[in-house]
Amino acid sequence: MAADPTIKNILDTALEREKKGHDFYLKAAAATDSDKAKRMFLWLVSVEQTHIDKLSRQIESLDTTSSFTGMAHPSPPRVTRSDLPPAPEASGPVKADAGELDALSLGMKAEKEAAAFYAKAAADAGDPEASALLNHLAADEQEHLAVLEEEYNWLKRSGEYFTIHRFQIPAR
């Protein structure tokens, strides 16, 4: 039995989106002078790489066996306001690098679009395993959006990056 071409196309498109996100965050990490911002962007690079790996394995499985490979899709814990330190009141102009704010804005837009893309693709997939994978990716993208929004809002208020425990680069 051949793999469903619609699901294959969705996964191919998703893989390309993840690769673009990976490259974007890698460039943002290289462009910043802030060690905290660099850690945050590199954390996002590592998360995008896990999505690339998951999608690549599923595409390979569909190509070779016409079915999905079994895979757990645990959702990461959500970031909540209690995870964030209290924001000091900025006294004077914010010293945040405009390029970093732009990168965060572009990242937020991309994560929002990715979450919507995955949610719609999951609803349209018609295959429970494909829907589970795509819903997992949609939840991840919503998480990334929440992290970037909090970082952006914090940076606008305080002028300095924070790093919560989630921004530690995972050991490989």
Protein backbone atom coordinates (compact mmCIF):
# COMPACT_ATOMS: atom_id res chain seq x y z
CA MET A 1 0.00 0.00 0.00
CA ALA A 2 1.38 3.45 -0.92
CA ALA A 3 1.63 6.27 1.59
CA ASP A 4 -1.12 8.89 1.42
CA PRO A 5 0.35 11.65 -0.81
CA THR A 6 -1.54 14.37 1.09
CA ILE A 7 0.02 13.36 4.41
CA LYS A 8 3.41 13.02 2.73
CA ASN A 9 3.05 16.54 1.29
CA ILE A 10 2.06 17.91 4.70
CA LEU A 11 5.10 16.30 6.32
CA ASP A 12 7.43 17.51 3.55
CA THR A 13 6.09 21.06 3.97
CA ALA A 14 6.43 20.78 7.76
CA LEU A 15 10.03 19.61 7.41
CA GLU A 16 10.89 22.58 5.22
CA ARG A 17 9.26 24.97 7.72
CA GLU A 18 11.27 23.44 10.58
CA LYS A 19 14.51 23.74 8.60
CA LYS A 20 13.79 27.41 7.91
CA GLY A 21 13.03 28.00 11.60
CA HIS A 22 16.24 26.21 12.57
CA ASP A 23 18.27 28.40 10.19
CA PHE A 24 16.51 31.58 11.35
CA TYR A 25 17.25 30.95 15.03
CA LEU A 26 20.82 29.92 14.24
CA LYS A 27 21.37 33.23 12.41
CA ALA A 28 19.75 35.14 15.28
CA ALA A 29 22.08 33.41 17.76
CA ALA A 30 25.11 34.32 15.65
CA ALA A 31 23.98 37.94 15.27
CA THR A 32 23.46 38.75 18.95
CA ASP A 33 26.13 39.94 21.35
CA SER A 34 24.09 38.89 24.39
CA ASP A 35 25.06 35.54 25.91
CA LYS A 36 21.54 35.16 27.32
CA ALA A 37 19.94 35.87 23.95
CA LYS A 38 22.37 33.47 22.28
CA ARG A 39 21.38 30.71 24.77
CA MET A 40 17.69 31.36 24.12
CA PHE A 41 18.09 31.24 20.34
CA LEU A 42 20.30 28.13 20.54
CA TRP A 43 17.66 26.44 22.73
CA LEU A 44 15.15 27.16 19.96
CA VAL A 45 17.63 25.76 17.38
CA SER A 46 17.84 22.53 19.40
CA VAL A 47 14.04 22.26 19.61
CA GLU A 48 13.68 22.85 15.87
CA GLN A 49 16.29 20.12 15.32
CA THR A 50 14.19 17.64 17.33
CA HIS A 51 11.25 18.48 15.04
CA ILE A 52 13.44 18.00 11.96
CA ASP A 53 14.55 14.61 13.31
CA LYS A 54 10.99 13.48 14.11
CA LEU A 55 9.63 14.55 10.75
CA SER A 56 12.57 13.02 8.87
CA ARG A 57 12.04 9.67 10.63
CA GLN A 58 8.33 9.71 9.82
CA ILE A 59 8.91 10.65 6.18
CA GLU A 60 11.50 7.89 5.84
CA SER A 61 9.11 5.41 7.44
CA LEU A 62 6.29 6.44 5.08
CA ASP A 63 8.64 6.13 2.11
CA THR A 64 9.88 2.66 3.07
CA THR A 65 6.91 1.03 4.84
CA SER A 66 3.93 3.26 3.92
CA SER A 67 3.19 3.66 7.63
CA PHE A 68 4.26 5.76 10.57
CA THR A 69 6.88 4.54 12.95
CA GLY A 70 5.82 4.34 16.60
CA MET A 71 6.92 7.45 18.45
CA ALA A 72 6.08 9.02 21.78
CA HIS A 73 5.06 12.66 21.59
CA PRO A 74 5.33 14.01 25.13
CA SER A 75 4.48 17.68 25.34
CA PRO A 76 7.00 19.87 27.11
CA PRO A 77 5.80 21.55 30.30
CA ARG A 78 4.23 24.93 29.61
CA VAL A 79 6.00 28.07 30.72
CA THR A 80 3.90 29.99 33.19
CA ARG A 81 4.22 33.48 34.63
CA SER A 82 5.46 31.94 37.89
CA ASP A 83 8.53 30.73 35.95
CA LEU A 84 9.45 34.33 35.18
CA PRO A 85 11.21 36.72 37.52
CA PRO A 86 9.42 39.97 38.36
CA ALA A 87 10.21 42.63 35.77
CA PRO A 88 12.00 45.69 37.09
CA GLU A 89 10.58 48.98 35.93
CA ALA A 90 12.75 50.41 33.19
CA SER A 91 13.97 53.88 34.09
CA GLY A 92 14.72 55.50 30.80
CA PRO A 93 14.97 54.18 27.28
CA VAL A 94 15.18 50.45 26.82
CA LYS A 95 18.66 49.41 25.75
CA ALA A 96 17.55 46.26 23.96
CA ASP A 97 19.14 45.75 20.59
CA ALA A 98 16.54 46.56 17.93
CA GLY A 99 17.77 43.64 15.83
CA GLU A 100 17.08 41.23 18.67
CA LEU A 101 13.59 42.66 19.16
CA ASP A 102 13.00 42.28 15.42
CA ALA A 103 14.24 38.69 15.56
CA LEU A 104 11.87 37.95 18.44
CA SER A 105 8.98 39.58 16.53
CA LEU A 106 9.73 37.55 13.41
CA GLY A 107 10.08 34.42 15.53
CA MET A 108 6.70 35.05 17.18
CA LYS A 109 5.06 35.49 13.78
CA ALA A 110 6.66 32.30 12.44
CA GLU A 111 5.72 30.24 15.54
CA LYS A 112 2.11 31.48 15.37
CA GLU A 113 1.89 30.57 11.67
CA ALA A 114 3.51 27.18 12.31
CA ALA A 115 1.07 26.36 15.13
CA ALA A 116 -1.88 27.23 12.87
CA PHE A 117 -0.41 25.22 9.99
CA TYR A 118 0.10 22.11 12.16
CA ALA A 119 -3.33 22.39 13.80
CA LYS A 120 -5.07 22.63 10.41
CA ALA A 121 -2.93 19.83 8.97
CA ALA A 122 -3.78 17.63 11.97
CA ALA A 123 -7.49 18.25 11.45
CA ASP A 124 -7.17 17.48 7.74
CA ALA A 125 -4.84 14.48 8.04
CA GLY A 126 -7.47 11.75 8.37
CA ASP A 127 -4.85 9.44 9.90
CA PRO A 128 -4.77 9.21 13.72
CA GLU A 129 -0.98 8.81 13.85
CA ALA A 130 -0.41 11.76 11.52
CA SER A 131 -2.88 13.83 13.54
CA ALA A 132 -1.09 12.95 16.78
CA LEU A 133 2.29 13.97 15.36
CA LEU A 134 0.93 17.22 13.90
CA ASN A 135 -0.99 18.10 17.08
CA HIS A 136 2.22 17.52 19.06
CA LEU A 137 4.08 19.88 16.74
CA ALA A 138 1.27 22.46 17.01
CA ALA A 139 1.53 22.34 20.83
CA ASP A 140 5.30 22.75 20.62
CA GLU A 141 4.94 25.78 18.38
CA GLN A 142 2.39 27.31 20.79
CA GLU A 143 4.93 26.78 23.57
CA HIS A 144 7.65 28.49 21.52
CA LEU A 145 5.29 31.38 20.83
CA ALA A 146 4.57 31.77 24.56
CA VAL A 147 8.29 31.75 25.38
CA LEU A 148 9.10 34.32 22.71
CA GLU A 149 6.19 36.56 23.73
CA GLU A 150 7.27 36.50 27.36
CA GLU A 151 10.89 37.20 26.39
CA TYR A 152 9.82 40.03 24.07
CA ASN A 153 7.57 41.63 26.71
CA TRP A 154 10.24 41.23 29.39
CA LEU A 155 12.89 42.75 27.12
CA LYS A 156 10.66 45.70 26.25
CA ARG A 157 10.02 46.37 29.97
CA SER A 158 13.47 45.73 31.42
CA GLY A 159 15.92 46.15 28.56
CA GLU A 160 17.73 42.94 29.44
CA TYR A 161 17.23 39.28 28.61
CA PHE A 162 16.37 36.74 31.25
CA THR A 163 16.99 33.04 31.01
CA ILE A 164 14.58 30.64 32.58
CA HIS A 165 15.53 27.02 33.09
CA ARG A 166 14.09 26.13 29.69
CA PHE A 167 16.82 28.06 27.90
CA GLN A 168 19.58 25.70 28.90
CA ILE A 169 21.02 23.96 25.87
CA PRO A 170 20.26 20.25 26.26
CA ALA A 171 23.16 17.83 26.46
CA ARG A 172 23.50 15.66 23.40
